């Protein structure tokens, strides 16, 4: 009996320690706000206007949100894969394919959240936050100015960011419609 009690106490301590030290990162879109959280730090980015566009393919649904913040247009995308499918690649390779990336700079990576600076094949430069917590969902937040991106990164992880002269975007630039059905596509069936 004492042995069972000791095992339960040890198990409870391990679970508590794991939940205390491992904090899942967040990248969420809520009414009038985008929330980015890493460990105990979070940043809320307000916006004034939102437009939603839904792209549906046979095995994936993409929700694209165009957000207006002062003079900036920001873009938040959520891709959700159907039950019998999953993303083929690690998140950075997905981004490389979705945006035709020529050069990628990883600013930080913590608990699934990554801050990236991208140079695309057409020489546009894009600041982006990406969150993938499993093989079935990917969240992207991009179009941030150098100033806003730097402020968010500094608040989240205390790191200064070198500006890249980010392009001012007017529309979503991800290539979901051409890449989802590509031969070396982004998703594959897990039905064996």
C-alpha atoms as a PDB file:
ATOM      1  CA  UNK A   1       0.000   0.000   0.000  1.00  0.00           C
ATOM      2  CA  UNK A   2       2.803   2.422   0.922  1.00  0.00           C
ATOM      3  CA  UNK A   3       4.542   1.598  -2.357  1.00  0.00           C
ATOM      4  CA  UNK A   4       1.410   2.609  -4.348  1.00  0.00           C
ATOM      5  CA  UNK A   5       1.104   5.879  -2.437  1.00  0.00           C
ATOM      6  CA  UNK A   6       4.762   6.720  -3.108  1.00  0.00           C
ATOM      7  CA  UNK A   7       4.329   5.962  -6.817  1.00  0.00           C
ATOM      8  CA  UNK A   8       1.246   8.211  -6.974  1.00  0.00           C
ATOM      9  CA  UNK A   9       3.085  11.045  -5.203  1.00  0.00           C
ATOM     10  CA  UNK A  10       6.058  10.761  -7.573  1.00  0.00           C
ATOM     11  CA  UNK A  11       3.726  10.704 -10.572  1.00  0.00           C
ATOM     12  CA  UNK A  12       1.890  13.791  -9.293  1.00  0.00           C
ATOM     13  CA  UNK A  13       5.196  15.642  -8.774  1.00  0.00           C
ATOM     14  CA  UNK A  14       6.378  14.756 -12.300  1.00  0.00           C
ATOM     15  CA  UNK A  15       3.084  15.927 -13.845  1.00  0.00           C
ATOM     16  CA  UNK A  16       3.156  19.159 -11.833  1.00  0.00           C
ATOM     17  CA  UNK A  17       6.798  19.833 -12.783  1.00  0.00           C
ATOM     18  CA  UNK A  18       6.083  19.161 -16.453  1.00  0.00           C
ATOM     19  CA  UNK A  19       3.060  21.459 -16.499  1.00  0.00           C
ATOM     20  CA  UNK A  20       4.968  24.169 -14.613  1.00  0.00           C
ATOM     21  CA  UNK A  21       8.072  24.173 -16.806  1.00  0.00           C
ATOM     22  CA  UNK A  22       6.551  23.386 -20.204  1.00  0.00           C
ATOM     23  CA  UNK A  23       4.190  26.114 -21.302  1.00  0.00           C
ATOM     24  CA  UNK A  24       2.640  25.681 -24.716  1.00  0.00           C
ATOM     25  CA  UNK A  25       3.136  28.667 -26.967  1.00  0.00           C
ATOM     26  CA  UNK A  26       0.075  30.347 -28.474  1.00  0.00           C
ATOM     27  CA  UNK A  27      -0.757  32.167 -31.644  1.00  0.00           C
ATOM     28  CA  UNK A  28      -4.457  33.025 -31.499  1.00  0.00           C
ATOM     29  CA  UNK A  29      -6.830  35.321 -33.314  1.00  0.00           C
ATOM     30  CA  UNK A  30      -9.559  36.767 -31.111  1.00  0.00           C
ATOM     31  CA  UNK A  31     -12.005  39.589 -31.798  1.00  0.00           C
ATOM     32  CA  UNK A  32      -9.931  42.739 -32.349  1.00  0.00           C
ATOM     33  CA  UNK A  33      -6.693  41.118 -31.161  1.00  0.00           C
ATOM     34  CA  UNK A  34      -3.924  38.687 -32.113  1.00  0.00           C
ATOM     35  CA  UNK A  35      -2.340  37.046 -29.070  1.00  0.00           C
ATOM     36  CA  UNK A  36       1.180  35.642 -29.171  1.00  0.00           C
ATOM     37  CA  UNK A  37       2.430  33.839 -26.078  1.00  0.00           C
ATOM     38  CA  UNK A  38       5.748  32.210 -25.219  1.00  0.00           C
ATOM     39  CA  UNK A  39       6.141  30.705 -21.759  1.00  0.00           C
ATOM     40  CA  UNK A  40       5.055  33.439 -19.320  1.00  0.00           C
ATOM     41  CA  UNK A  41       5.276  36.346 -21.798  1.00  0.00           C
ATOM     42  CA  UNK A  42       2.456  37.377 -24.078  1.00  0.00           C
ATOM     43  CA  UNK A  43       1.796  40.170 -26.532  1.00  0.00           C
ATOM     44  CA  UNK A  44      -1.568  41.392 -27.768  1.00  0.00           C
ATOM     45  CA  UNK A  45      -1.695  43.128 -31.129  1.00  0.00           C
ATOM     46  CA  UNK A  46      -4.929  44.996 -31.715  1.00  0.00           C
ATOM     47  CA  UNK A  47      -6.462  45.540 -35.122  1.00  0.00           C
ATOM     48  CA  UNK A  48      -9.316  47.665 -36.457  1.00  0.00           C
ATOM     49  CA  UNK A  49     -10.886  45.635 -39.242  1.00  0.00           C
ATOM     50  CA  UNK A  50     -10.993  42.001 -40.340  1.00  0.00           C
ATOM     51  CA  UNK A  51     -11.948  40.198 -43.551  1.00  0.00           C
ATOM     52  CA  UNK A  52     -12.217  36.416 -43.720  1.00  0.00           C
ATOM     53  CA  UNK A  53     -11.676  34.159 -46.707  1.00  0.00           C
ATOM     54  CA  UNK A  54     -12.038  30.368 -46.549  1.00  0.00           C
ATOM     55  CA  UNK A  55     -10.268  28.096 -49.024  1.00  0.00           C
ATOM     56  CA  UNK A  56     -11.487  24.497 -49.097  1.00  0.00           C
ATOM     57  CA  UNK A  57      -9.746  21.623 -50.754  1.00  0.00           C
ATOM     58  CA  UNK A  58     -10.649  17.945 -50.525  1.00  0.00           C
ATOM     59  CA  UNK A  59      -8.437  17.352 -47.486  1.00  0.00           C
ATOM     60  CA  UNK A  60      -7.532  20.766 -46.063  1.00  0.00           C
ATOM     61  CA  UNK A  61      -9.321  23.964 -45.076  1.00  0.00           C
ATOM     62  CA  UNK A  62      -7.518  27.287 -44.891  1.00  0.00           C
ATOM     63  CA  UNK A  63      -8.979  30.273 -43.111  1.00  0.00           C
ATOM     64  CA  UNK A  64      -7.298  33.480 -44.242  1.00  0.00           C
ATOM     65  CA  UNK A  65      -7.893  36.651 -42.287  1.00  0.00           C
ATOM     66  CA  UNK A  66      -6.852  40.077 -43.569  1.00  0.00           C
ATOM     67  CA  UNK A  67      -6.425  42.423 -40.631  1.00  0.00           C
ATOM     68  CA  UNK A  68      -6.099  46.184 -40.781  1.00  0.00           C
ATOM     69  CA  UNK A  69      -4.009  47.847 -38.102  1.00  0.00           C
ATOM     70  CA  UNK A  70      -3.460  51.573 -38.529  1.00  0.00           C
ATOM     71  CA  UNK A  71      -1.804  51.795 -41.970  1.00  0.00           C
ATOM     72  CA  UNK A  72      -0.689  48.154 -41.989  1.00  0.00           C
ATOM     73  CA  UNK A  73      -2.301  45.050 -43.438  1.00  0.00           C
ATOM     74  CA  UNK A  74      -1.544  41.907 -41.465  1.00  0.00           C
ATOM     75  CA  UNK A  75      -2.475  38.341 -42.358  1.00  0.00           C
ATOM     76  CA  UNK A  76      -3.439  35.470 -40.094  1.00  0.00           C
ATOM     77  CA  UNK A  77      -3.933  32.016 -41.583  1.00  0.00           C
ATOM     78  CA  UNK A  78      -5.033  28.733 -40.066  1.00  0.00           C
ATOM     79  CA  UNK A  79      -4.682  25.505 -42.075  1.00  0.00           C
ATOM     80  CA  UNK A  80      -6.514  22.460 -40.727  1.00  0.00           C
ATOM     81  CA  UNK A  81      -5.912  19.032 -42.260  1.00  0.00           C
ATOM     82  CA  UNK A  82      -8.636  16.342 -42.394  1.00  0.00           C
ATOM     83  CA  UNK A  83      -8.385  13.300 -40.132  1.00  0.00           C
ATOM     84  CA  UNK A  84      -6.672  10.878 -42.523  1.00  0.00           C
ATOM     85  CA  UNK A  85      -4.004  13.357 -43.678  1.00  0.00           C
ATOM     86  CA  UNK A  86      -1.025  15.175 -42.213  1.00  0.00           C
ATOM     87  CA  UNK A  87       1.612  17.685 -43.242  1.00  0.00           C
ATOM     88  CA  UNK A  88       4.508  16.023 -45.086  1.00  0.00           C
ATOM     89  CA  UNK A  89       7.324  18.247 -43.931  1.00  0.00           C
ATOM     90  CA  UNK A  90       8.619  20.066 -40.907  1.00  0.00           C
ATOM     91  CA  UNK A  91       7.111  23.538 -40.513  1.00  0.00           C
ATOM     92  CA  UNK A  92      10.066  25.439 -41.997  1.00  0.00           C
ATOM     93  CA  UNK A  93       9.963  23.374 -45.194  1.00  0.00           C
ATOM     94  CA  UNK A  94       6.219  23.992 -45.447  1.00  0.00           C
ATOM     95  CA  UNK A  95       6.867  27.743 -45.216  1.00  0.00           C
ATOM     96  CA  UNK A  96       9.624  27.486 -47.826  1.00  0.00           C
ATOM     97  CA  UNK A  97       7.206  25.836 -50.267  1.00  0.00           C
ATOM     98  CA  UNK A  98       4.143  27.962 -49.438  1.00  0.00           C
ATOM     99  CA  UNK A  99       5.945  31.256 -49.904  1.00  0.00           C
ATOM    100  CA  UNK A 100       8.678  30.325 -52.446  1.00  0.00           C
ATOM    101  CA  UNK A 101      11.327  31.273 -49.926  1.00  0.00           C
ATOM    102  CA  UNK A 102      14.794  32.118 -51.193  1.00  0.00           C
ATOM    103  CA  UNK A 103      16.301  32.837 -47.756  1.00  0.00           C
ATOM    104  CA  UNK A 104      14.997  32.138 -44.261  1.00  0.00           C
ATOM    105  CA  UNK A 105      16.248  33.570 -40.959  1.00  0.00           C
ATOM    106  CA  UNK A 106      15.038  31.898 -37.760  1.00  0.00           C
ATOM    107  CA  UNK A 107      14.840  34.628 -35.124  1.00  0.00           C
ATOM    108  CA  UNK A 108      13.678  32.309 -32.321  1.00  0.00           C
ATOM    109  CA  UNK A 109      11.903  29.002 -31.745  1.00  0.00           C
ATOM    110  CA  UNK A 110      10.181  28.163 -28.455  1.00  0.00           C
ATOM    111  CA  UNK A 111       7.636  25.439 -27.706  1.00  0.00           C
ATOM    112  CA  UNK A 112       6.347  25.250 -31.276  1.00  0.00           C
ATOM    113  CA  UNK A 113       6.270  28.997 -31.970  1.00  0.00           C
ATOM    114  CA  UNK A 114       8.804  30.342 -34.447  1.00  0.00           C
ATOM    115  CA  UNK A 115       9.634  33.885 -35.465  1.00  0.00           C
ATOM    116  CA  UNK A 116      10.967  34.042 -39.015  1.00  0.00           C
ATOM    117  CA  UNK A 117      12.276  36.638 -41.422  1.00  0.00           C
ATOM    118  CA  UNK A 118      11.830  35.553 -45.035  1.00  0.00           C
ATOM    119  CA  UNK A 119      13.198  36.718 -48.353  1.00  0.00           C
ATOM    120  CA  UNK A 120      10.969  35.387 -51.122  1.00  0.00           C
ATOM    121  CA  UNK A 121      11.965  34.455 -54.669  1.00  0.00           C
ATOM    122  CA  UNK A 122      10.486  37.774 -55.896  1.00  0.00           C
ATOM    123  CA  UNK A 123      12.690  39.585 -53.313  1.00  0.00           C
ATOM    124  CA  UNK A 124       9.805  40.585 -51.027  1.00  0.00           C
ATOM    125  CA  UNK A 125      10.789  40.466 -47.374  1.00  0.00           C
ATOM    126  CA  UNK A 126       8.322  39.191 -44.793  1.00  0.00           C
ATOM    127  CA  UNK A 127       8.285  38.999 -40.991  1.00  0.00           C
ATOM    128  CA  UNK A 128       6.292  36.017 -39.740  1.00  0.00           C
ATOM    129  CA  UNK A 129       5.213  34.087 -36.671  1.00  0.00           C
ATOM    130  CA  UNK A 130       4.369  30.418 -37.190  1.00  0.00           C
ATOM    131  CA  UNK A 131       2.903  27.850 -34.809  1.00  0.00           C
ATOM    132  CA  UNK A 132       2.556  24.153 -35.501  1.00  0.00           C
ATOM    133  CA  UNK A 133       1.650  22.058 -32.477  1.00  0.00           C
ATOM    134  CA  UNK A 134       0.815  18.857 -34.372  1.00  0.00           C
ATOM    135  CA  UNK A 135       0.812  17.476 -37.935  1.00  0.00           C
ATOM    136  CA  UNK A 136      -2.768  18.609 -38.582  1.00  0.00           C
ATOM    137  CA  UNK A 137      -2.802  22.370 -37.927  1.00  0.00           C
ATOM    138  CA  UNK A 138      -0.572  25.259 -38.893  1.00  0.00           C
ATOM    139  CA  UNK A 139      -1.020  28.903 -37.872  1.00  0.00           C
ATOM    140  CA  UNK A 140       0.699  31.796 -39.627  1.00  0.00           C
ATOM    141  CA  UNK A 141       0.792  35.489 -38.808  1.00  0.00           C
ATOM    142  CA  UNK A 142       2.710  37.649 -41.275  1.00  0.00           C
ATOM    143  CA  UNK A 143       3.026  41.059 -42.861  1.00  0.00           C
ATOM    144  CA  UNK A 144       4.330  42.774 -39.718  1.00  0.00           C
ATOM    145  CA  UNK A 145       6.488  45.848 -40.175  1.00  0.00           C
ATOM    146  CA  UNK A 146      10.072  45.669 -38.936  1.00  0.00           C
ATOM    147  CA  UNK A 147       9.181  47.943 -36.014  1.00  0.00           C
ATOM    148  CA  UNK A 148       6.165  45.899 -34.865  1.00  0.00           C
ATOM    149  CA  UNK A 149       7.974  42.572 -35.355  1.00  0.00           C
ATOM    150  CA  UNK A 150      10.966  43.804 -33.358  1.00  0.00           C
ATOM    151  CA  UNK A 151       8.748  45.058 -30.509  1.00  0.00           C
ATOM    152  CA  UNK A 152       6.908  41.734 -30.286  1.00  0.00           C
ATOM    153  CA  UNK A 153      10.080  39.609 -30.371  1.00  0.00           C
ATOM    154  CA  UNK A 154      11.767  41.801 -27.770  1.00  0.00           C
ATOM    155  CA  UNK A 155       8.791  41.544 -25.416  1.00  0.00           C
ATOM    156  CA  UNK A 156       8.472  37.764 -25.894  1.00  0.00           C
ATOM    157  CA  UNK A 157      12.113  36.673 -25.655  1.00  0.00           C
ATOM    158  CA  UNK A 158      14.125  39.820 -24.878  1.00  0.00           C
ATOM    159  CA  UNK A 159      15.981  39.695 -28.182  1.00  0.00           C
ATOM    160  CA  UNK A 160      16.783  42.581 -30.527  1.00  0.00           C
ATOM    161  CA  UNK A 161      15.909  41.983 -34.180  1.00  0.00           C
ATOM    162  CA  UNK A 162      17.795  43.332 -37.158  1.00  0.00           C
ATOM    163  CA  UNK A 163      15.351  45.029 -39.595  1.00  0.00           C
ATOM    164  CA  UNK A 164      14.989  43.484 -43.052  1.00  0.00           C
ATOM    165  CA  UNK A 165      13.115  46.335 -44.747  1.00  0.00           C
ATOM    166  CA  UNK A 166       9.901  44.282 -44.727  1.00  0.00           C
ATOM    167  CA  UNK A 167       7.604  44.617 -47.721  1.00  0.00           C
ATOM    168  CA  UNK A 168       4.246  46.263 -47.186  1.00  0.00           C
ATOM    169  CA  UNK A 169       1.728  43.596 -48.177  1.00  0.00           C
ATOM    170  CA  UNK A 170      -1.713  44.312 -49.621  1.00  0.00           C
ATOM    171  CA  UNK A 171      -3.028  40.739 -49.904  1.00  0.00           C
ATOM    172  CA  UNK A 172      -2.219  37.240 -48.627  1.00  0.00           C
ATOM    173  CA  UNK A 173       0.851  35.878 -50.374  1.00  0.00           C
ATOM    174  CA  UNK A 174       0.725  32.204 -49.376  1.00  0.00           C
ATOM    175  CA  UNK A 175       0.355  29.793 -52.282  1.00  0.00           C
ATOM    176  CA  UNK A 176      -2.096  27.281 -50.799  1.00  0.00           C
ATOM    177  CA  UNK A 177      -4.135  26.856 -53.978  1.00  0.00           C
ATOM    178  CA  UNK A 178      -1.119  25.889 -56.081  1.00  0.00           C
ATOM    179  CA  UNK A 179       0.821  23.918 -53.459  1.00  0.00           C
ATOM    180  CA  UNK A 180      -1.862  21.735 -51.818  1.00  0.00           C
ATOM    181  CA  UNK A 181      -2.410  19.642 -54.943  1.00  0.00           C
ATOM    182  CA  UNK A 182       1.222  19.724 -56.092  1.00  0.00           C
ATOM    183  CA  UNK A 183       2.951  16.386 -56.833  1.00  0.00           C
ATOM    184  CA  UNK A 184       5.405  16.952 -54.012  1.00  0.00           C
ATOM    185  CA  UNK A 185       2.490  18.363 -52.054  1.00  0.00           C
ATOM    186  CA  UNK A 186       2.445  19.619 -48.532  1.00  0.00           C
ATOM    187  CA  UNK A 187       0.119  16.933 -47.212  1.00  0.00           C
ATOM    188  CA  UNK A 188      -0.157  13.184 -47.508  1.00  0.00           C
ATOM    189  CA  UNK A 189      -2.531  10.417 -46.495  1.00  0.00           C
ATOM    190  CA  UNK A 190      -1.859   8.479 -43.297  1.00  0.00           C
ATOM    191  CA  UNK A 191      -4.425   5.816 -44.212  1.00  0.00           C
ATOM    192  CA  UNK A 192      -2.397   2.638 -44.547  1.00  0.00           C
END
